[in-house]
Amino acid sequence: MEIEVIRNEKDFAEFRFKDQKYTYPSLLKEKLLEDKSVEYVSYILDHPADKGARFVLRVKSGSPKKALEAAAKKVEAEIDDIDKKIQKALK
């Protein structure tokens, strides 16, 4: 997954997923919204023909990087859990 950082500040981050348009940004947003330190999070599709999504995050406390790392770990755990359930169901 390729990511381009647009802005990285103390309480704000903006970056672009170059090859992820819906699935991963949506999952990441969902997990970030569960974090009490997150003030605002959204992803934007700048143009329908773009293959990626722009992501913005503002935190009330802590750093955007820490919030993103924690949310990404939760997404990874959820995907691993789904994979295990699929593997078990297809035995």
PDB file of N, CA and C in Angstrom:
ATOM      1  N   MET A   1       0.852  -1.164   0.000  1.00  0.00           N
ATOM      2  CA  MET A   1       0.000   0.000   0.000  1.00  0.00           C
ATOM      3  C   MET A   1       0.900   1.230   0.000  1.00  0.00           C
ATOM      4  N   GLU A   2       0.689   2.099  -0.954  1.00  0.00           N
ATOM      5  CA  GLU A   2       1.507   3.296  -1.076  1.00  0.00           C
ATOM      6  C   GLU A   2       0.765   4.495  -0.483  1.00  0.00           C
ATOM      7  N   ILE A   3       1.475   5.281   0.339  1.00  0.00           N
ATOM      8  CA  ILE A   3       0.887   6.439   1.011  1.00  0.00           C
ATOM      9  C   ILE A   3       1.754   7.666   0.745  1.00  0.00           C
ATOM     10  N   GLU A   4       1.092   8.768   0.411  1.00  0.00           N
ATOM     11  CA  GLU A   4       1.771  10.048   0.211  1.00  0.00           C
ATOM     12  C   GLU A   4       1.340  10.984   1.343  1.00  0.00           C
ATOM     13  N   VAL A   5       2.292  11.469   2.126  1.00  0.00           N
ATOM     14  CA  VAL A   5       1.986  12.404   3.208  1.00  0.00           C
ATOM     15  C   VAL A   5       1.844  13.800   2.612  1.00  0.00           C
ATOM     16  N   ILE A   6       0.721  14.447   2.915  1.00  0.00           N
ATOM     17  CA  ILE A   6       0.467  15.803   2.439  1.00  0.00           C
ATOM     18  C   ILE A   6       0.798  16.808   3.539  1.00  0.00           C
ATOM     19  N   ARG A   7       0.288  16.566   4.743  1.00  0.00           N
ATOM     20  CA  ARG A   7       0.582  17.409   5.913  1.00  0.00           C
ATOM     21  C   ARG A   7       0.736  16.513   7.134  1.00  0.00           C
ATOM     22  N   ASN A   8       1.720  16.846   7.968  1.00  0.00           N
ATOM     23  CA  ASN A   8       1.927  16.108   9.211  1.00  0.00           C
ATOM     24  C   ASN A   8       2.271  17.119  10.294  1.00  0.00           C
ATOM     25  N   GLU A   9       1.288  17.423  11.141  1.00  0.00           N
ATOM     26  CA  GLU A   9       1.467  18.419  12.185  1.00  0.00           C
ATOM     27  C   GLU A   9       1.236  17.778  13.549  1.00  0.00           C
ATOM     28  N   LYS A  10       1.352  18.574  14.604  1.00  0.00           N
ATOM     29  CA  LYS A  10       1.234  18.070  15.973  1.00  0.00           C
ATOM     30  C   LYS A  10      -0.099  17.366  16.216  1.00  0.00           C
ATOM     31  N   ASP A  11      -1.190  17.965  15.735  1.00  0.00           N
ATOM     32  CA  ASP A  11      -2.518  17.403  15.991  1.00  0.00           C
ATOM     33  C   ASP A  11      -3.309  17.114  14.719  1.00  0.00           C
ATOM     34  N   PHE A  12      -2.650  17.175  13.575  1.00  0.00           N
ATOM     35  CA  PHE A  12      -3.348  17.021  12.298  1.00  0.00           C
ATOM     36  C   PHE A  12      -2.471  16.259  11.308  1.00  0.00           C
ATOM     37  N   ALA A  13      -3.102  15.370  10.565  1.00  0.00           N
ATOM     38  CA  ALA A  13      -2.390  14.654   9.501  1.00  0.00           C
ATOM     39  C   ALA A  13      -3.296  14.572   8.282  1.00  0.00           C
ATOM     40  N   GLU A  14      -2.693  14.727   7.129  1.00  0.00           N
ATOM     41  CA  GLU A  14      -3.403  14.557   5.861  1.00  0.00           C
ATOM     42  C   GLU A  14      -2.490  13.754   4.947  1.00  0.00           C
ATOM     43  N   PHE A  15      -3.042  12.710   4.370  1.00  0.00           N
ATOM     44  CA  PHE A  15      -2.251  11.874   3.474  1.00  0.00           C
ATOM     45  C   PHE A  15      -3.158  11.248   2.436  1.00  0.00           C
ATOM     46  N   ARG A  16      -2.549  10.654   1.433  1.00  0.00           N
ATOM     47  CA  ARG A  16      -3.293  10.039   0.342  1.00  0.00           C
ATOM     48  C   ARG A  16      -2.912   8.568   0.222  1.00  0.00           C
ATOM     49  N   PHE A  17      -3.935   7.726   0.222  1.00  0.00           N
ATOM     50  CA  PHE A  17      -3.739   6.325  -0.147  1.00  0.00           C
ATOM     51  C   PHE A  17      -3.721   6.307  -1.670  1.00  0.00           C
ATOM     52  N   LYS A  18      -2.621   5.903  -2.268  1.00  0.00           N
ATOM     53  CA  LYS A  18      -2.536   5.954  -3.726  1.00  0.00           C
ATOM     54  C   LYS A  18      -3.290   4.825  -4.415  1.00  0.00           C
ATOM     55  N   ASP A  19      -3.519   3.721  -3.708  1.00  0.00           N
ATOM     56  CA  ASP A  19      -4.152   2.568  -4.361  1.00  0.00           C
ATOM     57  C   ASP A  19      -5.305   1.985  -3.544  1.00  0.00           C
ATOM     58  N   GLN A  20      -5.799   2.733  -2.589  1.00  0.00           N
ATOM     59  CA  GLN A  20      -6.922   2.276  -1.762  1.00  0.00           C
ATOM     60  C   GLN A  20      -8.012   3.338  -1.825  1.00  0.00           C
ATOM     61  N   LYS A  21      -9.184   2.942  -2.283  1.00  0.00           N
ATOM     62  CA  LYS A  21     -10.239   3.927  -2.493  1.00  0.00           C
ATOM     63  C   LYS A  21     -11.359   3.832  -1.460  1.00  0.00           C
ATOM     64  N   TYR A  22     -11.800   2.641  -1.123  1.00  0.00           N
ATOM     65  CA  TYR A  22     -12.949   2.491  -0.238  1.00  0.00           C
ATOM     66  C   TYR A  22     -12.678   1.599   0.975  1.00  0.00           C
ATOM     67  N   THR A  23     -12.269   0.386   0.750  1.00  0.00           N
ATOM     68  CA  THR A  23     -12.263  -0.615   1.808  1.00  0.00           C
ATOM     69  C   THR A  23     -11.352  -0.250   2.975  1.00  0.00           C
ATOM     70  N   TYR A  24     -10.069  -0.123   2.731  1.00  0.00           N
ATOM     71  CA  TYR A  24      -9.160   0.158   3.842  1.00  0.00           C
ATOM     72  C   TYR A  24      -9.422   1.526   4.465  1.00  0.00           C
ATOM     73  N   PRO A  25      -9.595   2.590   3.670  1.00  0.00           N
ATOM     74  CA  PRO A  25      -9.912   3.878   4.301  1.00  0.00           C
ATOM     75  C   PRO A  25     -11.168   3.833   5.168  1.00  0.00           C
ATOM     76  N   SER A  26     -12.175   3.111   4.727  1.00  0.00           N
ATOM     77  CA  SER A  26     -13.413   3.007   5.500  1.00  0.00           C
ATOM     78  C   SER A  26     -13.183   2.268   6.819  1.00  0.00           C
ATOM     79  N   LEU A  27     -12.458   1.157   6.771  1.00  0.00           N
ATOM     80  CA  LEU A  27     -12.145   0.409   7.995  1.00  0.00           C
ATOM     81  C   LEU A  27     -11.299   1.243   8.960  1.00  0.00           C
ATOM     82  N   LEU A  28     -10.314   1.935   8.418  1.00  0.00           N
ATOM     83  CA  LEU A  28      -9.441   2.757   9.254  1.00  0.00           C
ATOM     84  C   LEU A  28     -10.236   3.890   9.904  1.00  0.00           C
ATOM     85  N   LYS A  29     -11.101   4.518   9.135  1.00  0.00           N
ATOM     86  CA  LYS A  29     -11.945   5.591   9.676  1.00  0.00           C
ATOM     87  C   LYS A  29     -12.826   5.063  10.813  1.00  0.00           C
ATOM     88  N   GLU A  30     -13.416   3.899  10.604  1.00  0.00           N
ATOM     89  CA  GLU A  30     -14.281   3.293  11.629  1.00  0.00           C
ATOM     90  C   GLU A  30     -13.519   3.090  12.935  1.00  0.00           C
ATOM     91  N   LYS A  31     -12.306   2.562  12.847  1.00  0.00           N
ATOM     92  CA  LYS A  31     -11.509   2.311  14.056  1.00  0.00           C
ATOM     93  C   LYS A  31     -11.044   3.619  14.701  1.00  0.00           C
ATOM     94  N   LEU A  32     -10.722   4.614  13.896  1.00  0.00           N
ATOM     95  CA  LEU A  32     -10.306   5.898  14.456  1.00  0.00           C
ATOM     96  C   LEU A  32     -11.457   6.592  15.181  1.00  0.00           C
ATOM     97  N   LEU A  33     -12.669   6.434  14.683  1.00  0.00           N
ATOM     98  CA  LEU A  33     -13.827   7.048  15.335  1.00  0.00           C
ATOM     99  C   LEU A  33     -14.094   6.447  16.716  1.00  0.00           C
ATOM    100  N   GLU A  34     -13.592   5.257  16.973  1.00  0.00           N
ATOM    101  CA  GLU A  34     -13.721   4.626  18.290  1.00  0.00           C
ATOM    102  C   GLU A  34     -12.727   5.200  19.304  1.00  0.00           C
ATOM    103  N   ASP A  35     -11.724   5.911  18.822  1.00  0.00           N
ATOM    104  CA  ASP A  35     -10.652   6.458  19.659  1.00  0.00           C
ATOM    105  C   ASP A  35     -11.091   7.805  20.241  1.00  0.00           C
ATOM    106  N   LYS A  36     -11.105   7.913  21.562  1.00  0.00           N
ATOM    107  CA  LYS A  36     -11.548   9.144  22.240  1.00  0.00           C
ATOM    108  C   LYS A  36     -10.610  10.327  21.986  1.00  0.00           C
ATOM    109  N   SER A  37      -9.370  10.061  21.577  1.00  0.00           N
ATOM    110  CA  SER A  37      -8.439  11.158  21.312  1.00  0.00           C
ATOM    111  C   SER A  37      -8.661  11.784  19.937  1.00  0.00           C
ATOM    112  N   VAL A  38      -9.478  11.159  19.106  1.00  0.00           N
ATOM    113  CA  VAL A  38      -9.719  11.656  17.748  1.00  0.00           C
ATOM    114  C   VAL A  38     -10.848  12.678  17.756  1.00  0.00           C
ATOM    115  N   GLU A  39     -10.559  13.854  17.215  1.00  0.00           N
ATOM    116  CA  GLU A  39     -11.561  14.916  17.114  1.00  0.00           C
ATOM    117  C   GLU A  39     -12.323  14.824  15.797  1.00  0.00           C
ATOM    118  N   TYR A  40     -11.605  14.542  14.707  1.00  0.00           N
ATOM    119  CA  TYR A  40     -12.213  14.520  13.377  1.00  0.00           C
ATOM    120  C   TYR A  40     -11.436  13.557  12.499  1.00  0.00           C
ATOM    121  N   VAL A  41     -12.154  12.797  11.704  1.00  0.00           N
ATOM    122  CA  VAL A  41     -11.508  11.921  10.730  1.00  0.00           C
ATOM    123  C   VAL A  41     -12.437  11.763   9.533  1.00  0.00           C
ATOM    124  N   SER A  42     -11.850  11.786   8.352  1.00  0.00           N
ATOM    125  CA  SER A  42     -12.638  11.590   7.140  1.00  0.00           C
ATOM    126  C   SER A  42     -11.710  11.178   6.007  1.00  0.00           C
ATOM    127  N   TYR A  43     -12.299  10.533   5.014  1.00  0.00           N
ATOM    128  CA  TYR A  43     -11.547  10.331   3.786  1.00  0.00           C
ATOM    129  C   TYR A  43     -12.360  10.904   2.645  1.00  0.00           C
ATOM    130  N   ILE A  44     -11.647  11.443   1.666  1.00  0.00           N
ATOM    131  CA  ILE A  44     -12.268  12.178   0.571  1.00  0.00           C
ATOM    132  C   ILE A  44     -11.848  11.561  -0.749  1.00  0.00           C
ATOM    133  N   LEU A  45     -12.819  11.358  -1.611  1.00  0.00           N
ATOM    134  CA  LEU A  45     -12.535  10.926  -2.974  1.00  0.00           C
ATOM    135  C   LEU A  45     -12.560  12.189  -3.826  1.00  0.00           C
ATOM    136  N   ASP A  46     -11.376  12.673  -4.198  1.00  0.00           N
ATOM    137  CA  ASP A  46     -11.292  13.947  -4.913  1.00  0.00           C
ATOM    138  C   ASP A  46     -11.934  13.891  -6.291  1.00  0.00           C
ATOM    139  N   HIS A  47     -11.817  12.749  -6.950  1.00  0.00           N
ATOM    140  CA  HIS A  47     -12.388  12.597  -8.288  1.00  0.00           C
ATOM    141  C   HIS A  47     -12.748  11.131  -8.493  1.00  0.00           C
ATOM    142  N   PRO A  48     -13.877  10.854  -9.126  1.00  0.00           N
ATOM    143  CA  PRO A  48     -14.288   9.453  -9.313  1.00  0.00           C
ATOM    144  C   PRO A  48     -13.268   8.586 -10.066  1.00  0.00           C
ATOM    145  N   ALA A  49     -12.467   9.199 -10.909  1.00  0.00           N
ATOM    146  CA  ALA A  49     -11.487   8.426 -11.679  1.00  0.00           C
ATOM    147  C   ALA A  49     -10.203   8.145 -10.898  1.00  0.00           C
ATOM    148  N   ASP A  50     -10.001   8.845  -9.781  1.00  0.00           N
ATOM    149  CA  ASP A  50      -8.808   8.595  -8.962  1.00  0.00           C
ATOM    150  C   ASP A  50      -8.849   7.181  -8.396  1.00  0.00           C
ATOM    151  N   LYS A  51      -7.680   6.585  -8.246  1.00  0.00           N
ATOM    152  CA  LYS A  51      -7.598   5.231  -7.692  1.00  0.00           C
ATOM    153  C   LYS A  51      -7.408   5.237  -6.181  1.00  0.00           C
ATOM    154  N   GLY A  52      -7.239   6.405  -5.599  1.00  0.00           N
ATOM    155  CA  GLY A  52      -6.977   6.484  -4.171  1.00  0.00           C
ATOM    156  C   GLY A  52      -7.909   7.437  -3.460  1.00  0.00           C
ATOM    157  N   ALA A  53      -7.644   7.614  -2.167  1.00  0.00           N
ATOM    158  CA  ALA A  53      -8.462   8.486  -1.331  1.00  0.00           C
ATOM    159  C   ALA A  53      -7.553   9.361  -0.477  1.00  0.00           C
ATOM    160  N   ARG A  54      -7.984  10.594  -0.257  1.00  0.00           N
ATOM    161  CA  ARG A  54      -7.284  11.506   0.641  1.00  0.00           C
ATOM    162  C   ARG A  54      -7.887  11.336   2.028  1.00  0.00           C
ATOM    163  N   PHE A  55      -7.049  11.300   3.030  1.00  0.00           N
ATOM    164  CA  PHE A  55      -7.467  11.004   4.397  1.00  0.00           C
ATOM    165  C   PHE A  55      -7.039  12.158   5.287  1.00  0.00           C
ATOM    166  N   VAL A  56      -7.948  12.643   6.146  1.00  0.00           N
ATOM    167  CA  VAL A  56      -7.609  13.713   7.084  1.00  0.00           C
ATOM    168  C   VAL A  56      -7.950  13.272   8.502  1.00  0.00           C
ATOM    169  N   LEU A  57      -7.107  13.670   9.434  1.00  0.00           N
ATOM    170  CA  LEU A  57      -7.259  13.256  10.828  1.00  0.00           C
ATOM    171  C   LEU A  57      -6.818  14.388  11.748  1.00  0.00           C
ATOM    172  N   ARG A  58      -7.671  14.737  12.708  1.00  0.00           N
ATOM    173  CA  ARG A  58      -7.316  15.703  13.752  1.00  0.00           C
ATOM    174  C   ARG A  58      -7.546  15.033  15.100  1.00  0.00           C
ATOM    175  N   VAL A  59      -6.559  15.173  15.994  1.00  0.00           N
ATOM    176  CA  VAL A  59      -6.671  14.580  17.328  1.00  0.00           C
ATOM    177  C   VAL A  59      -6.769  15.674  18.389  1.00  0.00           C
ATOM    178  N   LYS A  60      -7.467  15.353  19.493  1.00  0.00           N
ATOM    179  CA  LYS A  60      -7.582  16.268  20.637  1.00  0.00           C
ATOM    180  C   LYS A  60      -6.364  16.136  21.542  1.00  0.00           C
ATOM    181  N   SER A  61      -5.837  14.924  21.619  1.00  0.00           N
ATOM    182  CA  SER A  61      -4.671  14.659  22.462  1.00  0.00           C
ATOM    183  C   SER A  61      -3.834  13.578  21.799  1.00  0.00           C
ATOM    184  N   GLY A  62      -2.584  13.496  22.220  1.00  0.00           N
ATOM    185  CA  GLY A  62      -1.690  12.523  21.598  1.00  0.00           C
ATOM    186  C   GLY A  62      -1.265  13.007  20.219  1.00  0.00           C
ATOM    187  N   SER A  63      -0.852  12.085  19.395  1.00  0.00           N
ATOM    188  CA  SER A  63      -0.416  12.446  18.046  1.00  0.00           C
ATOM    189  C   SER A  63      -1.225  11.675  17.010  1.00  0.00           C
ATOM    190  N   PRO A  64      -1.374  12.252  15.818  1.00  0.00           N
ATOM    191  CA  PRO A  64      -2.061  11.527  14.754  1.00  0.00           C
ATOM    192  C   PRO A  64      -1.377  10.193  14.439  1.00  0.00           C
ATOM    193  N   LYS A  65      -0.049  10.182  14.508  1.00  0.00           N
ATOM    194  CA  LYS A  65       0.695   8.959  14.202  1.00  0.00           C
ATOM    195  C   LYS A  65       0.317   7.833  15.162  1.00  0.00           C
ATOM    196  N   LYS A  66       0.258   8.138  16.456  1.00  0.00           N
ATOM    197  CA  LYS A  66      -0.092   7.103  17.437  1.00  0.00           C
ATOM    198  C   LYS A  66      -1.520   6.613  17.235  1.00  0.00           C
ATOM    199  N   ALA A  67      -2.436   7.537  16.947  1.00  0.00           N
ATOM    200  CA  ALA A  67      -3.827   7.148  16.699  1.00  0.00           C
ATOM    201  C   ALA A  67      -3.920   6.263  15.461  1.00  0.00           C
ATOM    202  N   LEU A  68      -3.185   6.621  14.416  1.00  0.00           N
ATOM    203  CA  LEU A  68      -3.190   5.822  13.187  1.00  0.00           C
ATOM    204  C   LEU A  68      -2.588   4.441  13.415  1.00  0.00           C
ATOM    205  N   GLU A  69      -1.496   4.379  14.154  1.00  0.00           N
ATOM    206  CA  GLU A  69      -0.869   3.081  14.433  1.00  0.00           C
ATOM    207  C   GLU A  69      -1.817   2.165  15.196  1.00  0.00           C
ATOM    208  N   ALA A  70      -2.491   2.705  16.215  1.00  0.00           N
ATOM    209  CA  ALA A  70      -3.423   1.898  17.012  1.00  0.00           C
ATOM    210  C   ALA A  70      -4.604   1.430  16.163  1.00  0.00           C
ATOM    211  N   ALA A  71      -5.140   2.331  15.343  1.00  0.00           N
ATOM    212  CA  ALA A  71      -6.278   1.974  14.492  1.00  0.00           C
ATOM    213  C   ALA A  71      -5.871   0.943  13.442  1.00  0.00           C
ATOM    214  N   ALA A  72      -4.683   1.103  12.861  1.00  0.00           N
ATOM    215  CA  ALA A  72      -4.213   0.146  11.851  1.00  0.00           C
ATOM    216  C   ALA A  72      -4.044  -1.247  12.455  1.00  0.00           C
ATOM    217  N   LYS A  73      -3.568  -1.321  13.697  1.00  0.00           N
ATOM    218  CA  LYS A  73      -3.441  -2.620  14.367  1.00  0.00           C
ATOM    219  C   LYS A  73      -4.805  -3.261  14.582  1.00  0.00           C
ATOM    220  N   LYS A  74      -5.804  -2.446  14.926  1.00  0.00           N
ATOM    221  CA  LYS A  74      -7.163  -2.972  15.107  1.00  0.00           C
ATOM    222  C   LYS A  74      -7.736  -3.481  13.787  1.00  0.00           C
ATOM    223  N   VAL A  75      -7.483  -2.749  12.704  1.00  0.00           N
ATOM    224  CA  VAL A  75      -7.945  -3.193  11.384  1.00  0.00           C
ATOM    225  C   VAL A  75      -7.277  -4.513  11.024  1.00  0.00           C
ATOM    226  N   GLU A  76      -5.973  -4.597  11.243  1.00  0.00           N
ATOM    227  CA  GLU A  76      -5.235  -5.825  10.942  1.00  0.00           C
ATOM    228  C   GLU A  76      -5.785  -7.004  11.739  1.00  0.00           C
ATOM    229  N   ALA A  77      -6.070  -6.788  13.019  1.00  0.00           N
ATOM    230  CA  ALA A  77      -6.617  -7.858  13.862  1.00  0.00           C
ATOM    231  C   ALA A  77      -7.993  -8.288  13.364  1.00  0.00           C
ATOM    232  N   GLU A  78      -8.807  -7.326  12.956  1.00  0.00           N
ATOM    233  CA  GLU A  78     -10.140  -7.654  12.446  1.00  0.00           C
ATOM    234  C   GLU A  78     -10.054  -8.452  11.143  1.00  0.00           C
ATOM    235  N   ILE A  79      -9.145  -8.063  10.267  1.00  0.00           N
ATOM    236  CA  ILE A  79      -8.962  -8.784   9.004  1.00  0.00           C
ATOM    237  C   ILE A  79      -8.449 -10.194   9.270  1.00  0.00           C
ATOM    238  N   ASP A  80      -7.509 -10.339  10.201  1.00  0.00           N
ATOM    239  CA  ASP A  80      -7.007 -11.671  10.562  1.00  0.00           C
ATOM    240  C   ASP A  80      -8.128 -12.548  11.104  1.00  0.00           C
ATOM    241  N   ASP A  81      -8.990 -11.972  11.935  1.00  0.00           N
ATOM    242  CA  ASP A  81     -10.122 -12.713  12.498  1.00  0.00           C
ATOM    243  C   ASP A  81     -11.083 -13.169  11.395  1.00  0.00           C
ATOM    244  N   ILE A  82     -11.366 -12.282  10.469  1.00  0.00           N
ATOM    245  CA  ILE A  82     -12.250 -12.640   9.346  1.00  0.00           C
ATOM    246  C   ILE A  82     -11.623 -13.750   8.520  1.00  0.00           C
ATOM    247  N   ASP A  83     -10.317 -13.642   8.268  1.00  0.00           N
ATOM    248  CA  ASP A  83      -9.613 -14.664   7.491  1.00  0.00           C
ATOM    249  C   ASP A  83      -9.699 -16.026   8.177  1.00  0.00           C
ATOM    250  N   LYS A  84      -9.495 -16.056   9.489  1.00  0.00           N
ATOM    251  CA  LYS A  84      -9.590 -17.324  10.229  1.00  0.00           C
ATOM    252  C   LYS A  84     -10.989 -17.914  10.137  1.00  0.00           C
ATOM    253  N   LYS A  85     -11.997 -17.072  10.237  1.00  0.00           N
ATOM    254  CA  LYS A  85     -13.380 -17.549  10.145  1.00  0.00           C
ATOM    255  C   LYS A  85     -13.685 -18.098   8.753  1.00  0.00           C
ATOM    256  N   ILE A  86     -13.168 -17.455   7.739  1.00  0.00           N
ATOM    257  CA  ILE A  86     -13.367 -17.944   6.368  1.00  0.00           C
ATOM    258  C   ILE A  86     -12.668 -19.280   6.185  1.00  0.00           C
ATOM    259  N   GLN A  87     -11.414 -19.372   6.642  1.00  0.00           N
ATOM    260  CA  GLN A  87     -10.660 -20.622   6.511  1.00  0.00           C
ATOM    261  C   GLN A  87     -11.367 -21.766   7.233  1.00  0.00           C
ATOM    262  N   LYS A  88     -11.894 -21.489   8.415  1.00  0.00           N
ATOM    263  CA  LYS A  88     -12.604 -22.508   9.185  1.00  0.00           C
ATOM    264  C   LYS A  88     -13.890 -22.927   8.476  1.00  0.00           C
ATOM    265  N   ALA A  89     -14.602 -21.975   7.927  1.00  0.00           N
ATOM    266  CA  ALA A  89     -15.870 -22.270   7.250  1.00  0.00           C
ATOM    267  C   ALA A  89     -15.659 -23.065   5.964  1.00  0.00           C
ATOM    268  N   LEU A  90     -14.510 -22.895   5.323  1.00  0.00           N
ATOM    269  CA  LEU A  90     -14.253 -23.555   4.044  1.00  0.00           C
ATOM    270  C   LEU A  90     -13.522 -24.882   4.180  1.00  0.00           C
ATOM    271  N   LYS A  91     -13.331 -25.383   5.383  1.00  0.00           N
ATOM    272  CA  LYS A  91     -12.648 -26.676   5.579  1.00  0.00           C
ATOM    273  C   LYS A  91     -13.522 -27.812   5.143  1.00  0.00           C
TER     274      LYS A  91
END
